[in-house]
């Protein structure tokens, strides 16, 4: 008798995390703008031009908001 197992291949949102990440980190913002990490934190703490999300002690910047701001600059 052959046993056939079937799995429901439901992908977790973290399976391809880098490919589907919807936010930037402050470090990524600093690299993209060629500014220091401190300057990137200062920008995130003072701007109203793009959205900044604070989760616990982390800061995340939604890509759509930041990219729109960068294109308009």
PDB file of N, CA and C in Angstrom:
ATOM      1  N   UNK A   1       0.837  -1.166   0.000  1.00  0.00           N
ATOM      2  CA  UNK A   1       0.000   0.000   0.000  1.00  0.00           C
ATOM      3  C   UNK A   1       0.891   1.241   0.000  1.00  0.00           C
ATOM      4  N   UNK A   2       0.576   2.184  -0.866  1.00  0.00           N
ATOM      5  CA  UNK A   2       1.349   3.413  -0.978  1.00  0.00           C
ATOM      6  C   UNK A   2       0.645   4.523  -0.205  1.00  0.00           C
ATOM      7  N   UNK A   3       1.404   5.181   0.624  1.00  0.00           N
ATOM      8  CA  UNK A   3       0.852   6.283   1.405  1.00  0.00           C
ATOM      9  C   UNK A   3       1.211   7.586   0.702  1.00  0.00           C
ATOM     10  N   UNK A   4       0.203   8.334   0.394  1.00  0.00           N
ATOM     11  CA  UNK A   4       0.412   9.615  -0.268  1.00  0.00           C
ATOM     12  C   UNK A   4       0.089  10.709   0.735  1.00  0.00           C
ATOM     13  N   UNK A   5       1.043  11.559   0.928  1.00  0.00           N
ATOM     14  CA  UNK A   5       0.795  12.681   1.832  1.00  0.00           C
ATOM     15  C   UNK A   5       0.675  13.945   1.006  1.00  0.00           C
ATOM     16  N   UNK A   6      -0.251  14.740   1.383  1.00  0.00           N
ATOM     17  CA  UNK A   6      -0.470  15.996   0.680  1.00  0.00           C
ATOM     18  C   UNK A   6      -0.293  17.126   1.679  1.00  0.00           C
ATOM     19  N   UNK A   7       0.486  18.074   1.284  1.00  0.00           N
ATOM     20  CA  UNK A   7       0.662  19.229   2.160  1.00  0.00           C
ATOM     21  C   UNK A   7       0.070  20.447   1.488  1.00  0.00           C
ATOM     22  N   UNK A   8      -0.533  21.246   2.273  1.00  0.00           N
ATOM     23  CA  UNK A   8      -1.033  22.519   1.761  1.00  0.00           C
ATOM     24  C   UNK A   8       0.128  23.498   1.808  1.00  0.00           C
ATOM     25  N   UNK A   9       0.646  23.800   0.669  1.00  0.00           N
ATOM     26  CA  UNK A   9       1.826  24.655   0.592  1.00  0.00           C
ATOM     27  C   UNK A   9       1.428  26.122   0.720  1.00  0.00           C
ATOM     28  N   UNK A  10       1.058  26.485   1.904  1.00  0.00           N
ATOM     29  CA  UNK A  10       0.712  27.877   2.171  1.00  0.00           C
ATOM     30  C   UNK A  10       1.993  28.582   2.574  1.00  0.00           C
ATOM     31  N   UNK A  11       2.330  29.594   1.817  1.00  0.00           N
ATOM     32  CA  UNK A  11       3.571  30.304   2.099  1.00  0.00           C
ATOM     33  C   UNK A  11       3.363  31.324   3.205  1.00  0.00           C
ATOM     34  N   UNK A  12       4.321  31.361   4.051  1.00  0.00           N
ATOM     35  CA  UNK A  12       4.323  32.341   5.122  1.00  0.00           C
ATOM     36  C   UNK A  12       4.790  33.682   4.560  1.00  0.00           C
ATOM     37  N   UNK A  13       4.319  34.785   5.116  1.00  0.00           N
ATOM     38  CA  UNK A  13       4.799  36.091   4.647  1.00  0.00           C
ATOM     39  C   UNK A  13       6.304  36.259   4.796  1.00  0.00           C
ATOM     40  N   UNK A  14       6.930  35.464   5.656  1.00  0.00           N
ATOM     41  CA  UNK A  14       8.370  35.594   5.858  1.00  0.00           C
ATOM     42  C   UNK A  14       9.180  34.672   4.957  1.00  0.00           C
ATOM     43  N   UNK A  15       8.526  33.860   4.105  1.00  0.00           N
ATOM     44  CA  UNK A  15       9.252  32.948   3.224  1.00  0.00           C
ATOM     45  C   UNK A  15      10.214  33.687   2.306  1.00  0.00           C
ATOM     46  N   UNK A  16       9.753  34.717   1.674  1.00  0.00           N
ATOM     47  CA  UNK A  16      10.619  35.504   0.793  1.00  0.00           C
ATOM     48  C   UNK A  16      10.605  36.946   1.277  1.00  0.00           C
ATOM     49  N   UNK A  17      11.069  37.120   2.482  1.00  0.00           N
ATOM     50  CA  UNK A  17      10.965  38.406   3.175  1.00  0.00           C
ATOM     51  C   UNK A  17      11.614  39.550   2.404  1.00  0.00           C
ATOM     52  N   UNK A  18      12.819  39.346   1.914  1.00  0.00           N
ATOM     53  CA  UNK A  18      13.509  40.430   1.218  1.00  0.00           C
ATOM     54  C   UNK A  18      12.789  40.829  -0.063  1.00  0.00           C
ATOM     55  N   UNK A  19      12.197  39.868  -0.751  1.00  0.00           N
ATOM     56  CA  UNK A  19      11.531  40.162  -2.015  1.00  0.00           C
ATOM     57  C   UNK A  19      10.237  40.943  -1.808  1.00  0.00           C
ATOM     58  N   UNK A  20       9.624  40.807  -0.644  1.00  0.00           N
ATOM     59  CA  UNK A  20       8.321  41.428  -0.433  1.00  0.00           C
ATOM     60  C   UNK A  20       8.309  42.461   0.690  1.00  0.00           C
ATOM     61  N   UNK A  21       9.466  42.882   1.133  1.00  0.00           N
ATOM     62  CA  UNK A  21       9.520  43.864   2.207  1.00  0.00           C
ATOM     63  C   UNK A  21       8.897  45.178   1.752  1.00  0.00           C
ATOM     64  N   UNK A  22       8.004  45.690   2.556  1.00  0.00           N
ATOM     65  CA  UNK A  22       7.278  46.910   2.208  1.00  0.00           C
ATOM     66  C   UNK A  22       7.811  48.147   2.911  1.00  0.00           C
ATOM     67  N   UNK A  23       8.851  47.964   3.712  1.00  0.00           N
ATOM     68  CA  UNK A  23       9.398  49.085   4.473  1.00  0.00           C
ATOM     69  C   UNK A  23      10.915  49.122   4.353  1.00  0.00           C
ATOM     70  N   UNK A  24      11.461  50.323   4.571  1.00  0.00           N
ATOM     71  CA  UNK A  24      12.908  50.506   4.660  1.00  0.00           C
ATOM     72  C   UNK A  24      13.285  50.647   6.125  1.00  0.00           C
ATOM     73  N   UNK A  25      14.522  50.306   6.436  1.00  0.00           N
ATOM     74  CA  UNK A  25      15.075  50.605   7.751  1.00  0.00           C
ATOM     75  C   UNK A  25      15.784  51.951   7.664  1.00  0.00           C
ATOM     76  N   UNK A  26      16.110  52.518   8.798  1.00  0.00           N
ATOM     77  CA  UNK A  26      16.844  53.783   8.820  1.00  0.00           C
ATOM     78  C   UNK A  26      18.215  53.589   8.170  1.00  0.00           C
ATOM     79  N   UNK A  27      18.813  52.433   8.388  1.00  0.00           N
ATOM     80  CA  UNK A  27      20.109  52.131   7.785  1.00  0.00           C
ATOM     81  C   UNK A  27      20.022  52.154   6.259  1.00  0.00           C
ATOM     82  N   UNK A  28      18.949  51.591   5.709  1.00  0.00           N
ATOM     83  CA  UNK A  28      18.768  51.587   4.254  1.00  0.00           C
ATOM     84  C   UNK A  28      18.567  53.001   3.718  1.00  0.00           C
ATOM     85  N   UNK A  29      17.819  53.815   4.460  1.00  0.00           N
ATOM     86  CA  UNK A  29      17.606  55.210   4.064  1.00  0.00           C
ATOM     87  C   UNK A  29      18.944  55.948   4.028  1.00  0.00           C
ATOM     88  N   UNK A  30      19.770  55.735   5.054  1.00  0.00           N
ATOM     89  CA  UNK A  30      21.082  56.384   5.115  1.00  0.00           C
ATOM     90  C   UNK A  30      21.934  55.991   3.913  1.00  0.00           C
ATOM     91  N   UNK A  31      21.935  54.717   3.563  1.00  0.00           N
ATOM     92  CA  UNK A  31      22.717  54.257   2.413  1.00  0.00           C
ATOM     93  C   UNK A  31      22.201  54.860   1.114  1.00  0.00           C
ATOM     94  N   UNK A  32      20.890  54.876   0.929  1.00  0.00           N
ATOM     95  CA  UNK A  32      20.312  55.397  -0.314  1.00  0.00           C
ATOM     96  C   UNK A  32      20.599  56.879  -0.504  1.00  0.00           C
ATOM     97  N   UNK A  33      20.589  57.624   0.589  1.00  0.00           N
ATOM     98  CA  UNK A  33      20.798  59.069   0.515  1.00  0.00           C
ATOM     99  C   UNK A  33      22.258  59.471   0.691  1.00  0.00           C
ATOM    100  N   UNK A  34      23.123  58.488   0.950  1.00  0.00           N
ATOM    101  CA  UNK A  34      24.553  58.743   1.187  1.00  0.00           C
ATOM    102  C   UNK A  34      24.755  59.751   2.313  1.00  0.00           C
ATOM    103  N   UNK A  35      24.051  59.497   3.419  1.00  0.00           N
ATOM    104  CA  UNK A  35      24.186  60.339   4.606  1.00  0.00           C
ATOM    105  C   UNK A  35      24.542  59.450   5.786  1.00  0.00           C
ATOM    106  N   UNK A  36      24.964  60.066   6.870  1.00  0.00           N
ATOM    107  CA  UNK A  36      25.313  59.289   8.056  1.00  0.00           C
ATOM    108  C   UNK A  36      24.058  58.691   8.689  1.00  0.00           C
ATOM    109  N   UNK A  37      24.270  57.683   9.490  1.00  0.00           N
ATOM    110  CA  UNK A  37      23.157  57.051  10.189  1.00  0.00           C
ATOM    111  C   UNK A  37      22.475  58.050  11.121  1.00  0.00           C
ATOM    112  N   UNK A  38      23.275  58.874  11.810  1.00  0.00           N
ATOM    113  CA  UNK A  38      22.714  59.897  12.700  1.00  0.00           C
ATOM    114  C   UNK A  38      21.843  60.883  11.917  1.00  0.00           C
ATOM    115  N   UNK A  39      22.303  61.292  10.735  1.00  0.00           N
ATOM    116  CA  UNK A  39      21.519  62.211   9.900  1.00  0.00           C
ATOM    117  C   UNK A  39      20.221  61.566   9.443  1.00  0.00           C
ATOM    118  N   UNK A  40      20.267  60.274   9.146  1.00  0.00           N
ATOM    119  CA  UNK A  40      19.056  59.562   8.731  1.00  0.00           C
ATOM    120  C   UNK A  40      18.058  59.496   9.881  1.00  0.00           C
ATOM    121  N   UNK A  41      18.549  59.243  11.102  1.00  0.00           N
ATOM    122  CA  UNK A  41      17.657  59.247  12.266  1.00  0.00           C
ATOM    123  C   UNK A  41      17.071  60.640  12.483  1.00  0.00           C
ATOM    124  N   UNK A  42      17.897  61.670  12.350  1.00  0.00           N
ATOM    125  CA  UNK A  42      17.403  63.043  12.503  1.00  0.00           C
ATOM    126  C   UNK A  42      16.328  63.353  11.472  1.00  0.00           C
ATOM    127  N   UNK A  43      16.538  62.924  10.229  1.00  0.00           N
ATOM    128  CA  UNK A  43      15.547  63.130   9.178  1.00  0.00           C
ATOM    129  C   UNK A  43      14.234  62.441   9.536  1.00  0.00           C
ATOM    130  N   UNK A  44      14.323  61.190   9.963  1.00  0.00           N
ATOM    131  CA  UNK A  44      13.109  60.433  10.308  1.00  0.00           C
ATOM    132  C   UNK A  44      12.379  61.039  11.502  1.00  0.00           C
ATOM    133  N   UNK A  45      13.127  61.615  12.423  1.00  0.00           N
ATOM    134  CA  UNK A  45      12.508  62.200  13.614  1.00  0.00           C
ATOM    135  C   UNK A  45      11.928  63.590  13.378  1.00  0.00           C
ATOM    136  N   UNK A  46      12.323  64.245  12.284  1.00  0.00           N
ATOM    137  CA  UNK A  46      11.870  65.619  12.077  1.00  0.00           C
ATOM    138  C   UNK A  46      10.969  65.812  10.861  1.00  0.00           C
ATOM    139  N   UNK A  47      10.865  64.831   9.990  1.00  0.00           N
ATOM    140  CA  UNK A  47      10.129  65.032   8.747  1.00  0.00           C
ATOM    141  C   UNK A  47       8.630  64.787   8.888  1.00  0.00           C
ATOM    142  N   UNK A  48       7.888  65.495   8.071  1.00  0.00           N
ATOM    143  CA  UNK A  48       6.467  65.192   7.884  1.00  0.00           C
ATOM    144  C   UNK A  48       6.217  64.906   6.408  1.00  0.00           C
ATOM    145  N   UNK A  49       7.299  64.833   5.639  1.00  0.00           N
ATOM    146  CA  UNK A  49       7.219  64.646   4.194  1.00  0.00           C
ATOM    147  C   UNK A  49       6.940  63.199   3.795  1.00  0.00           C
ATOM    148  N   UNK A  50       7.347  62.241   4.613  1.00  0.00           N
ATOM    149  CA  UNK A  50       7.044  60.830   4.380  1.00  0.00           C
ATOM    150  C   UNK A  50       6.708  60.185   5.715  1.00  0.00           C
ATOM    151  N   UNK A  51       5.997  59.078   5.627  1.00  0.00           N
ATOM    152  CA  UNK A  51       5.531  58.412   6.851  1.00  0.00           C
ATOM    153  C   UNK A  51       6.683  57.692   7.544  1.00  0.00           C
ATOM    154  N   UNK A  52       6.651  57.704   8.850  1.00  0.00           N
ATOM    155  CA  UNK A  52       7.633  57.007   9.672  1.00  0.00           C
ATOM    156  C   UNK A  52       6.863  56.198  10.696  1.00  0.00           C
ATOM    157  N   UNK A  53       7.115  54.893  10.723  1.00  0.00           N
ATOM    158  CA  UNK A  53       6.434  54.004  11.664  1.00  0.00           C
ATOM    159  C   UNK A  53       7.379  53.652  12.798  1.00  0.00           C
ATOM    160  N   UNK A  54       6.879  53.761  14.006  1.00  0.00           N
ATOM    161  CA  UNK A  54       7.662  53.362  15.174  1.00  0.00           C
ATOM    162  C   UNK A  54       7.000  52.142  15.797  1.00  0.00           C
ATOM    163  N   UNK A  55       7.759  51.060  15.848  1.00  0.00           N
ATOM    164  CA  UNK A  55       7.256  49.801  16.401  1.00  0.00           C
ATOM    165  C   UNK A  55       8.221  49.392  17.503  1.00  0.00           C
ATOM    166  N   UNK A  56       7.763  49.508  18.737  1.00  0.00           N
ATOM    167  CA  UNK A  56       8.678  49.250  19.844  1.00  0.00           C
ATOM    168  C   UNK A  56       9.822  50.254  19.764  1.00  0.00           C
ATOM    169  N   UNK A  57      11.034  49.747  19.730  1.00  0.00           N
ATOM    170  CA  UNK A  57      12.203  50.612  19.597  1.00  0.00           C
ATOM    171  C   UNK A  57      12.682  50.760  18.169  1.00  0.00           C
ATOM    172  N   UNK A  58      11.956  50.195  17.218  1.00  0.00           N
ATOM    173  CA  UNK A  58      12.376  50.214  15.818  1.00  0.00           C
ATOM    174  C   UNK A  58      11.660  51.301  15.030  1.00  0.00           C
ATOM    175  N   UNK A  59      12.355  51.795  14.025  1.00  0.00           N
ATOM    176  CA  UNK A  59      11.766  52.758  13.096  1.00  0.00           C
ATOM    177  C   UNK A  59      11.747  52.114  11.724  1.00  0.00           C
ATOM    178  N   UNK A  60      10.605  52.177  11.059  1.00  0.00           N
ATOM    179  CA  UNK A  60      10.456  51.653   9.701  1.00  0.00           C
ATOM    180  C   UNK A  60       9.789  52.725   8.850  1.00  0.00           C
ATOM    181  N   UNK A  61      10.217  52.794   7.594  1.00  0.00           N
ATOM    182  CA  UNK A  61       9.693  53.793   6.675  1.00  0.00           C
ATOM    183  C   UNK A  61       9.027  53.066   5.514  1.00  0.00           C
ATOM    184  N   UNK A  62       7.722  53.248   5.312  1.00  0.00           N
ATOM    185  CA  UNK A  62       7.044  52.581   4.194  1.00  0.00           C
ATOM    186  C   UNK A  62       7.675  52.990   2.856  1.00  0.00           C
ATOM    187  N   UNK A  63       7.973  51.985   2.034  1.00  0.00           N
ATOM    188  CA  UNK A  63       8.642  52.246   0.760  1.00  0.00           C
ATOM    189  C   UNK A  63       7.848  53.182  -0.137  1.00  0.00           C
ATOM    190  N   UNK A  64       6.547  52.976  -0.232  1.00  0.00           N
ATOM    191  CA  UNK A  64       5.758  53.809  -1.143  1.00  0.00           C
ATOM    192  C   UNK A  64       5.817  55.282  -0.751  1.00  0.00           C
ATOM    193  N   UNK A  65       5.746  55.555   0.536  1.00  0.00           N
ATOM    194  CA  UNK A  65       5.788  56.927   1.026  1.00  0.00           C
ATOM    195  C   UNK A  65       7.164  57.561   0.790  1.00  0.00           C
ATOM    196  N   UNK A  66       8.212  56.835   1.135  1.00  0.00           N
ATOM    197  CA  UNK A  66       9.568  57.366   0.968  1.00  0.00           C
ATOM    198  C   UNK A  66       9.917  57.543  -0.504  1.00  0.00           C
ATOM    199  N   UNK A  67       9.586  56.554  -1.328  1.00  0.00           N
ATOM    200  CA  UNK A  67       9.904  56.625  -2.758  1.00  0.00           C
ATOM    201  C   UNK A  67       9.191  57.798  -3.429  1.00  0.00           C
ATOM    202  N   UNK A  68       7.942  58.057  -3.041  1.00  0.00           N
ATOM    203  CA  UNK A  68       7.209  59.203  -3.590  1.00  0.00           C
ATOM    204  C   UNK A  68       7.883  60.508  -3.183  1.00  0.00           C
ATOM    205  N   UNK A  69       8.324  60.606  -1.941  1.00  0.00           N
ATOM    206  CA  UNK A  69       9.027  61.795  -1.464  1.00  0.00           C
ATOM    207  C   UNK A  69      10.337  61.987  -2.221  1.00  0.00           C
ATOM    208  N   UNK A  70      11.066  60.906  -2.421  1.00  0.00           N
ATOM    209  CA  UNK A  70      12.357  60.987  -3.097  1.00  0.00           C
ATOM    210  C   UNK A  70      12.193  61.394  -4.567  1.00  0.00           C
ATOM    211  N   UNK A  71      11.174  60.873  -5.227  1.00  0.00           N
ATOM    212  CA  UNK A  71      10.914  61.243  -6.628  1.00  0.00           C
ATOM    213  C   UNK A  71      10.557  62.723  -6.751  1.00  0.00           C
ATOM    214  N   UNK A  72       9.839  63.242  -5.770  1.00  0.00           N
ATOM    215  CA  UNK A  72       9.403  64.640  -5.807  1.00  0.00           C
ATOM    216  C   UNK A  72      10.522  65.615  -5.436  1.00  0.00           C
ATOM    217  N   UNK A  73      11.554  65.114  -4.797  1.00  0.00           N
ATOM    218  CA  UNK A  73      12.644  65.989  -4.331  1.00  0.00           C
ATOM    219  C   UNK A  73      13.493  66.493  -5.479  1.00  0.00           C
TER     220      UNK A  73
END
